[in-house]
PDB file of N, CA and C in Angstrom:
ATOM      1  N   MET A   1       0.837  -1.169   0.000  1.00  0.00           N
ATOM      2  CA  MET A   1       0.000   0.000   0.000  1.00  0.00           C
ATOM      3  C   MET A   1       0.885   1.235   0.000  1.00  0.00           C
ATOM      4  N   LYS A   2       0.396   2.294  -0.650  1.00  0.00           N
ATOM      5  CA  LYS A   2       1.142   3.541  -0.755  1.00  0.00           C
ATOM      6  C   LYS A   2       0.329   4.702  -0.212  1.00  0.00           C
ATOM      7  N   VAL A   3       1.040   5.761   0.171  1.00  0.00           N
ATOM      8  CA  VAL A   3       0.415   7.003   0.600  1.00  0.00           C
ATOM      9  C   VAL A   3       1.106   8.161  -0.110  1.00  0.00           C
ATOM     10  N   GLN A   4       0.376   9.246  -0.263  1.00  0.00           N
ATOM     11  CA  GLN A   4       0.997  10.473  -0.737  1.00  0.00           C
ATOM     12  C   GLN A   4       1.459  11.226   0.499  1.00  0.00           C
ATOM     13  N   VAL A   5       2.675  11.739   0.421  1.00  0.00           N
ATOM     14  CA  VAL A   5       3.283  12.401   1.566  1.00  0.00           C
ATOM     15  C   VAL A   5       3.814  13.765   1.137  1.00  0.00           C
ATOM     16  N   GLN A   6       3.504  14.779   1.926  1.00  0.00           N
ATOM     17  CA  GLN A   6       4.082  16.107   1.719  1.00  0.00           C
ATOM     18  C   GLN A   6       5.147  16.281   2.788  1.00  0.00           C
ATOM     19  N   PHE A   7       6.354  16.678   2.378  1.00  0.00           N
ATOM     20  CA  PHE A   7       7.470  16.757   3.317  1.00  0.00           C
ATOM     21  C   PHE A   7       8.441  17.858   2.912  1.00  0.00           C
ATOM     22  N   ASP A   8       9.303  18.226   3.870  1.00  0.00           N
ATOM     23  CA  ASP A   8      10.291  19.272   3.595  1.00  0.00           C
ATOM     24  C   ASP A   8      11.644  18.651   3.262  1.00  0.00           C
ATOM     25  N   GLU A   9      12.642  19.519   3.055  1.00  0.00           N
ATOM     26  CA  GLU A   9      13.968  19.055   2.624  1.00  0.00           C
ATOM     27  C   GLU A   9      14.696  18.239   3.685  1.00  0.00           C
ATOM     28  N   THR A  10      14.227  18.269   4.934  1.00  0.00           N
ATOM     29  CA  THR A  10      14.846  17.453   5.979  1.00  0.00           C
ATOM     30  C   THR A  10      14.083  16.145   6.219  1.00  0.00           C
ATOM     31  N   GLY A  11      12.978  15.944   5.490  1.00  0.00           N
ATOM     32  CA  GLY A  11      12.206  14.714   5.621  1.00  0.00           C
ATOM     33  C   GLY A  11      11.051  14.786   6.602  1.00  0.00           C
ATOM     34  N   ASN A  12      10.821  15.955   7.205  1.00  0.00           N
ATOM     35  CA  ASN A  12       9.702  16.110   8.136  1.00  0.00           C
ATOM     36  C   ASN A  12       8.388  16.114   7.367  1.00  0.00           C
ATOM     37  N   VAL A  13       7.454  15.280   7.797  1.00  0.00           N
ATOM     38  CA  VAL A  13       6.170  15.104   7.121  1.00  0.00           C
ATOM     39  C   VAL A  13       5.169  16.141   7.619  1.00  0.00           C
ATOM     40  N   SER A  14       4.510  16.825   6.665  1.00  0.00           N
ATOM     41  CA  SER A  14       3.481  17.793   7.035  1.00  0.00           C
ATOM     42  C   SER A  14       2.077  17.317   6.679  1.00  0.00           C
ATOM     43  N   ALA A  15       1.957  16.321   5.789  1.00  0.00           N
ATOM     44  CA  ALA A  15       0.641  15.797   5.424  1.00  0.00           C
ATOM     45  C   ALA A  15       0.778  14.403   4.822  1.00  0.00           C
ATOM     46  N   VAL A  16      -0.252  13.566   5.071  1.00  0.00           N
ATOM     47  CA  VAL A  16      -0.299  12.209   4.527  1.00  0.00           C
ATOM     48  C   VAL A  16      -1.731  11.936   4.085  1.00  0.00           C
ATOM     49  N   LEU A  17      -1.886  11.349   2.904  1.00  0.00           N
ATOM     50  CA  LEU A  17      -3.215  10.915   2.469  1.00  0.00           C
ATOM     51  C   LEU A  17      -3.086   9.724   1.540  1.00  0.00           C
ATOM     52  N   TYR A  18      -4.192   8.980   1.413  1.00  0.00           N
ATOM     53  CA  TYR A  18      -4.214   7.879   0.473  1.00  0.00           C
ATOM     54  C   TYR A  18      -4.435   8.444  -0.923  1.00  0.00           C
ATOM     55  N   PRO A  19      -3.690   7.978  -1.925  1.00  0.00           N
ATOM     56  CA  PRO A  19      -3.930   8.439  -3.297  1.00  0.00           C
ATOM     57  C   PRO A  19      -5.349   8.101  -3.733  1.00  0.00           C
ATOM     58  N   SER A  20      -5.945   8.931  -4.587  1.00  0.00           N
ATOM     59  CA  SER A  20      -7.324   8.693  -5.016  1.00  0.00           C
ATOM     60  C   SER A  20      -7.480   7.358  -5.718  1.00  0.00           C
ATOM     61  N   SER A  21      -6.417   6.822  -6.319  1.00  0.00           N
ATOM     62  CA  SER A  21      -6.513   5.521  -6.985  1.00  0.00           C
ATOM     63  C   SER A  21      -6.761   4.394  -5.989  1.00  0.00           C
ATOM     64  N   GLN A  22      -6.414   4.599  -4.719  1.00  0.00           N
ATOM     65  CA  GLN A  22      -6.632   3.591  -3.692  1.00  0.00           C
ATOM     66  C   GLN A  22      -7.958   3.783  -2.969  1.00  0.00           C
ATOM     67  N   THR A  23      -8.588   4.924  -3.164  1.00  0.00           N
ATOM     68  CA  THR A  23      -9.841   5.183  -2.472  1.00  0.00           C
ATOM     69  C   THR A  23     -11.030   5.124  -3.416  1.00  0.00           C
ATOM     70  N   GLY A  24     -10.793   4.738  -4.665  1.00  0.00           N
ATOM     71  CA  GLY A  24     -11.883   4.613  -5.621  1.00  0.00           C
ATOM     72  C   GLY A  24     -12.155   5.870  -6.410  1.00  0.00           C
ATOM     73  N   GLY A  25     -11.343   6.907  -6.214  1.00  0.00           N
ATOM     74  CA  GLY A  25     -11.536   8.149  -6.955  1.00  0.00           C
ATOM     75  C   GLY A  25     -11.059   8.022  -8.388  1.00  0.00           C
ATOM     76  N   SER A  26     -11.617   8.810  -9.249  1.00  0.00           N
ATOM     77  CA  SER A  26     -11.181   8.856 -10.634  1.00  0.00           C
ATOM     78  C   SER A  26     -11.496  10.231 -11.189  1.00  0.00           C
ATOM     79  N   LYS A  27     -10.837  10.604 -12.262  1.00  0.00           N
ATOM     80  CA  LYS A  27     -11.087  11.910 -12.860  1.00  0.00           C
ATOM     81  C   LYS A  27     -12.536  12.023 -13.308  1.00  0.00           C
ATOM     82  N   GLU A  28     -13.096  10.928 -13.794  1.00  0.00           N
ATOM     83  CA  GLU A  28     -14.473  10.946 -14.261  1.00  0.00           C
ATOM     84  C   GLU A  28     -15.464  11.132 -13.120  1.00  0.00           C
ATOM     85  N   GLY A  29     -15.111  10.668 -11.905  1.00  0.00           N
ATOM     86  CA  GLY A  29     -16.036  10.719 -10.783  1.00  0.00           C
ATOM     87  C   GLY A  29     -15.800  11.865  -9.820  1.00  0.00           C
ATOM     88  N   LEU A  30     -14.995  12.851 -10.209  1.00  0.00           N
ATOM     89  CA  LEU A  30     -14.671  13.935  -9.290  1.00  0.00           C
ATOM     90  C   LEU A  30     -15.892  14.709  -8.823  1.00  0.00           C
ATOM     91  N   SER A  31     -16.874  14.891  -9.673  1.00  0.00           N
ATOM     92  CA  SER A  31     -18.042  15.668  -9.263  1.00  0.00           C
ATOM     93  C   SER A  31     -18.867  14.945  -8.205  1.00  0.00           C
ATOM     94  N   ALA A  32     -18.765  13.635  -8.146  1.00  0.00           N
ATOM     95  CA  ALA A  32     -19.545  12.857  -7.192  1.00  0.00           C
ATOM     96  C   ALA A  32     -18.781  12.576  -5.902  1.00  0.00           C
ATOM     97  N   GLN A  33     -17.477  12.908  -5.858  1.00  0.00           N
ATOM     98  CA  GLN A  33     -16.659  12.598  -4.696  1.00  0.00           C
ATOM     99  C   GLN A  33     -15.830  13.795  -4.279  1.00  0.00           C
ATOM    100  N   ASN A  34     -15.519  13.857  -3.003  1.00  0.00           N
ATOM    101  CA  ASN A  34     -14.558  14.847  -2.527  1.00  0.00           C
ATOM    102  C   ASN A  34     -13.164  14.282  -2.733  1.00  0.00           C
ATOM    103  N   VAL A  35     -12.260  15.096  -3.246  1.00  0.00           N
ATOM    104  CA  VAL A  35     -10.894  14.659  -3.494  1.00  0.00           C
ATOM    105  C   VAL A  35      -9.943  15.670  -2.875  1.00  0.00           C
ATOM    106  N   ALA A  36      -8.996  15.188  -2.108  1.00  0.00           N
ATOM    107  CA  ALA A  36      -7.980  16.053  -1.501  1.00  0.00           C
ATOM    108  C   ALA A  36      -6.729  16.030  -2.365  1.00  0.00           C
ATOM    109  N   ILE A  37      -6.084  17.179  -2.453  1.00  0.00           N
ATOM    110  CA  ILE A  37      -4.852  17.299  -3.223  1.00  0.00           C
ATOM    111  C   ILE A  37      -3.819  17.980  -2.336  1.00  0.00           C
ATOM    112  N   LEU A  38      -2.631  17.411  -2.273  1.00  0.00           N
ATOM    113  CA  LEU A  38      -1.554  18.023  -1.506  1.00  0.00           C
ATOM    114  C   LEU A  38      -0.876  19.077  -2.375  1.00  0.00           C
ATOM    115  N   LYS A  39      -0.728  20.280  -1.847  1.00  0.00           N
ATOM    116  CA  LYS A  39      -0.092  21.375  -2.576  1.00  0.00           C
ATOM    117  C   LYS A  39       1.125  21.839  -1.784  1.00  0.00           C
ATOM    118  N   PRO A  40       2.309  21.430  -2.212  1.00  0.00           N
ATOM    119  CA  PRO A  40       3.507  21.810  -1.463  1.00  0.00           C
ATOM    120  C   PRO A  40       3.797  23.305  -1.547  1.00  0.00           C
ATOM    121  N   ARG A  41       4.330  23.824  -0.449  1.00  0.00           N
ATOM    122  CA  ARG A  41       4.783  25.213  -0.400  1.00  0.00           C
ATOM    123  C   ARG A  41       6.264  25.236  -0.747  1.00  0.00           C
ATOM    124  N   ASP A  42       6.854  26.414  -0.764  1.00  0.00           N
ATOM    125  CA  ASP A  42       8.292  26.525  -1.025  1.00  0.00           C
ATOM    126  C   ASP A  42       9.065  25.652  -0.042  1.00  0.00           C
ATOM    127  N   GLY A  43      10.019  24.887  -0.549  1.00  0.00           N
ATOM    128  CA  GLY A  43      10.830  24.024   0.298  1.00  0.00           C
ATOM    129  C   GLY A  43      10.194  22.688   0.609  1.00  0.00           C
ATOM    130  N   GLN A  44       9.014  22.430   0.072  1.00  0.00           N
ATOM    131  CA  GLN A  44       8.323  21.153   0.288  1.00  0.00           C
ATOM    132  C   GLN A  44       8.177  20.413  -1.040  1.00  0.00           C
ATOM    133  N   GLN A  45       7.931  19.131  -0.932  1.00  0.00           N
ATOM    134  CA  GLN A  45       7.616  18.323  -2.099  1.00  0.00           C
ATOM    135  C   GLN A  45       6.609  17.249  -1.731  1.00  0.00           C
ATOM    136  N   VAL A  46       6.005  16.665  -2.745  1.00  0.00           N
ATOM    137  CA  VAL A  46       5.017  15.605  -2.556  1.00  0.00           C
ATOM    138  C   VAL A  46       5.494  14.379  -3.321  1.00  0.00           C
ATOM    139  N   ALA A  47       5.364  13.211  -2.688  1.00  0.00           N
ATOM    140  CA  ALA A  47       5.716  11.958  -3.340  1.00  0.00           C
ATOM    141  C   ALA A  47       4.743  10.870  -2.900  1.00  0.00           C
ATOM    142  N   THR A  48       4.518   9.914  -3.773  1.00  0.00           N
ATOM    143  CA  THR A  48       3.733   8.730  -3.419  1.00  0.00           C
ATOM    144  C   THR A  48       4.730   7.655  -3.026  1.00  0.00           C
ATOM    145  N   LEU A  49       4.653   7.231  -1.757  1.00  0.00           N
ATOM    146  CA  LEU A  49       5.649   6.328  -1.191  1.00  0.00           C
ATOM    147  C   LEU A  49       5.007   5.078  -0.606  1.00  0.00           C
ATOM    148  N   LYS A  50       5.735   3.995  -0.674  1.00  0.00           N
ATOM    149  CA  LYS A  50       5.282   2.720  -0.126  1.00  0.00           C
ATOM    150  C   LYS A  50       5.362   2.758   1.399  1.00  0.00           C
ATOM    151  N   ILE A  51       4.315   2.259   2.049  1.00  0.00           N
ATOM    152  CA  ILE A  51       4.307   2.170   3.512  1.00  0.00           C
ATOM    153  C   ILE A  51       5.123   0.935   3.905  1.00  0.00           C
ATOM    154  N   PRO A  52       6.127   1.094   4.775  1.00  0.00           N
ATOM    155  CA  PRO A  52       6.898  -0.069   5.215  1.00  0.00           C
ATOM    156  C   PRO A  52       5.985  -1.120   5.859  1.00  0.00           C
ATOM    157  N   ARG A  53       6.303  -2.364   5.650  1.00  0.00           N
ATOM    158  CA  ARG A  53       5.492  -3.478   6.137  1.00  0.00           C
ATOM    159  C   ARG A  53       5.148  -3.346   7.614  1.00  0.00           C
ATOM    160  N   GLU A  54       6.118  -2.947   8.434  1.00  0.00           N
ATOM    161  CA  GLU A  54       5.895  -2.882   9.883  1.00  0.00           C
ATOM    162  C   GLU A  54       4.960  -1.741  10.296  1.00  0.00           C
ATOM    163  N   LEU A  55       4.624  -0.843   9.364  1.00  0.00           N
ATOM    164  CA  LEU A  55       3.767   0.295   9.682  1.00  0.00           C
ATOM    165  C   LEU A  55       2.412   0.235   8.988  1.00  0.00           C
ATOM    166  N   ARG A  56       2.112  -0.814   8.284  1.00  0.00           N
ATOM    167  CA  ARG A  56       0.888  -0.897   7.481  1.00  0.00           C
ATOM    168  C   ARG A  56      -0.400  -0.966   8.288  1.00  0.00           C
ATOM    169  N   GLU A  57      -0.342  -1.323   9.543  1.00  0.00           N
ATOM    170  CA  GLU A  57      -1.547  -1.418  10.366  1.00  0.00           C
ATOM    171  C   GLU A  57      -1.929  -0.083  11.000  1.00  0.00           C
ATOM    172  N   LEU A  58      -1.089   0.936  10.839  1.00  0.00           N
ATOM    173  CA  LEU A  58      -1.346   2.231  11.455  1.00  0.00           C
ATOM    174  C   LEU A  58      -2.374   3.032  10.651  1.00  0.00           C
ATOM    175  N   THR A  59      -3.109   3.895  11.337  1.00  0.00           N
ATOM    176  CA  THR A  59      -4.022   4.812  10.668  1.00  0.00           C
ATOM    177  C   THR A  59      -3.197   5.936  10.033  1.00  0.00           C
ATOM    178  N   LEU A  60      -3.829   6.745   9.190  1.00  0.00           N
ATOM    179  CA  LEU A  60      -3.121   7.880   8.598  1.00  0.00           C
ATOM    180  C   LEU A  60      -2.606   8.835   9.671  1.00  0.00           C
ATOM    181  N   ALA A  61      -3.408   9.092  10.695  1.00  0.00           N
ATOM    182  CA  ALA A  61      -2.977   9.988  11.778  1.00  0.00           C
ATOM    183  C   ALA A  61      -1.754   9.416  12.495  1.00  0.00           C
ATOM    184  N   GLN A  62      -1.753   8.124  12.737  1.00  0.00           N
ATOM    185  CA  GLN A  62      -0.608   7.494  13.389  1.00  0.00           C
ATOM    186  C   GLN A  62       0.625   7.548  12.486  1.00  0.00           C
ATOM    187  N   LEU A  63       0.441   7.287  11.191  1.00  0.00           N
ATOM    188  CA  LEU A  63       1.556   7.373  10.256  1.00  0.00           C
ATOM    189  C   LEU A  63       2.153   8.774  10.272  1.00  0.00           C
ATOM    190  N   HIS A  64       1.282   9.770  10.204  1.00  0.00           N
ATOM    191  CA  HIS A  64       1.735  11.159  10.166  1.00  0.00           C
ATOM    192  C   HIS A  64       2.647  11.479  11.344  1.00  0.00           C
ATOM    193  N   SER A  65       2.308  10.970  12.509  1.00  0.00           N
ATOM    194  CA  SER A  65       3.083  11.316  13.703  1.00  0.00           C
ATOM    195  C   SER A  65       4.320  10.452  13.914  1.00  0.00           C
ATOM    196  N   CYS A  66       4.440   9.325  13.240  1.00  0.00           N
ATOM    197  CA  CYS A  66       5.570   8.442  13.554  1.00  0.00           C
ATOM    198  C   CYS A  66       6.504   8.151  12.383  1.00  0.00           C
ATOM    199  N   VAL A  67       6.317   8.823  11.239  1.00  0.00           N
ATOM    200  CA  VAL A  67       7.225   8.585  10.110  1.00  0.00           C
ATOM    201  C   VAL A  67       7.911   9.870   9.670  1.00  0.00           C
ATOM    202  N   ARG A  68       8.971   9.678   8.943  1.00  0.00           N
ATOM    203  CA  ARG A  68       9.633  10.767   8.244  1.00  0.00           C
ATOM    204  C   ARG A  68      10.067  10.212   6.890  1.00  0.00           C
ATOM    205  N   VAL A  69      10.523  11.077   6.018  1.00  0.00           N
ATOM    206  CA  VAL A  69      10.974  10.654   4.702  1.00  0.00           C
ATOM    207  C   VAL A  69      12.492  10.632   4.706  1.00  0.00           C
ATOM    208  N   ASP A  70      13.046   9.484   4.342  1.00  0.00           N
ATOM    209  CA  ASP A  70      14.493   9.324   4.234  1.00  0.00           C
ATOM    210  C   ASP A  70      14.877   9.686   2.805  1.00  0.00           C
ATOM    211  N   LEU A  71      15.715  10.689   2.662  1.00  0.00           N
ATOM    212  CA  LEU A  71      16.112  11.172   1.342  1.00  0.00           C
ATOM    213  C   LEU A  71      17.506  10.714   0.937  1.00  0.00           C
ATOM    214  N   ARG A  72      18.136   9.911   1.782  1.00  0.00           N
ATOM    215  CA  ARG A  72      19.471   9.409   1.448  1.00  0.00           C
ATOM    216  C   ARG A  72      19.368   8.373   0.345  1.00  0.00           C
ATOM    217  N   GLY A  73      20.382   8.297  -0.481  1.00  0.00           N
ATOM    218  CA  GLY A  73      20.421   7.288  -1.528  1.00  0.00           C
ATOM    219  C   GLY A  73      19.696   7.686  -2.804  1.00  0.00           C
ATOM    220  N   GLY A  74      19.225   8.913  -2.888  1.00  0.00           N
ATOM    221  CA  GLY A  74      18.612   9.388  -4.115  1.00  0.00           C
ATOM    222  C   GLY A  74      17.124   9.157  -4.268  1.00  0.00           C
ATOM    223  N   ALA A  75      16.571   8.153  -3.621  1.00  0.00           N
ATOM    224  CA  ALA A  75      15.142   7.871  -3.724  1.00  0.00           C
ATOM    225  C   ALA A  75      14.481   8.078  -2.358  1.00  0.00           C
ATOM    226  N   ALA A  76      13.401   8.858  -2.337  1.00  0.00           N
ATOM    227  CA  ALA A  76      12.681   9.092  -1.086  1.00  0.00           C
ATOM    228  C   ALA A  76      11.978   7.819  -0.652  1.00  0.00           C
ATOM    229  N   ARG A  77      11.976   7.568   0.672  1.00  0.00           N
ATOM    230  CA  ARG A  77      11.244   6.418   1.220  1.00  0.00           C
ATOM    231  C   ARG A  77      10.798   6.752   2.629  1.00  0.00           C
ATOM    232  N   LEU A  78       9.659   6.158   3.027  1.00  0.00           N
ATOM    233  CA  LEU A  78       9.138   6.349   4.374  1.00  0.00           C
ATOM    234  C   LEU A  78       9.884   5.469   5.349  1.00  0.00           C
ATOM    235  N   ILE A  79      10.230   6.030   6.500  1.00  0.00           N
ATOM    236  CA  ILE A  79      10.837   5.259   7.572  1.00  0.00           C
ATOM    237  C   ILE A  79      10.248   5.735   8.895  1.00  0.00           C
ATOM    238  N   ALA A  80      10.313   4.873   9.903  1.00  0.00           N
ATOM    239  CA  ALA A  80       9.847   5.252  11.240  1.00  0.00           C
ATOM    240  C   ALA A  80      10.811   6.302  11.811  1.00  0.00           C
ATOM    241  N   LYS A  81      10.268   7.266  12.553  1.00  0.00           N
ATOM    242  CA  LYS A  81      11.131   8.262  13.189  1.00  0.00           C
ATOM    243  C   LYS A  81      12.083   7.568  14.128  1.00  0.00           C
ATOM    244  N   GLY A  82      13.268   8.118  14.258  1.00  0.00           N
ATOM    245  CA  GLY A  82      14.262   7.539  15.153  1.00  0.00           C
ATOM    246  C   GLY A  82      15.197   6.578  14.467  1.00  0.00           C
ATOM    247  N   LYS A  83      14.956   6.298  13.168  1.00  0.00           N
ATOM    248  CA  LYS A  83      15.863   5.404  12.449  1.00  0.00           C
ATOM    249  C   LYS A  83      16.829   6.204  11.620  1.00  0.00           C
TER     250      LYS A  83
END
């Protein structure tokens, strides 16, 4: 499972949501559904990242508070804080 994550250059997460493709949203059905879009500010970016296996049982609120984005190695990935 993947989530969209908004984060800054140090990997601090400011927002997390499920991509519309995982919630049944589609461009054709936008008028019938509410759709959230992450809009990064200066110094932020948005990426769709895989949830690590050990964190898949967490709610979005729990994920938001206990993950950060690891930017080492060229590819962004979600990791638990403290790692």
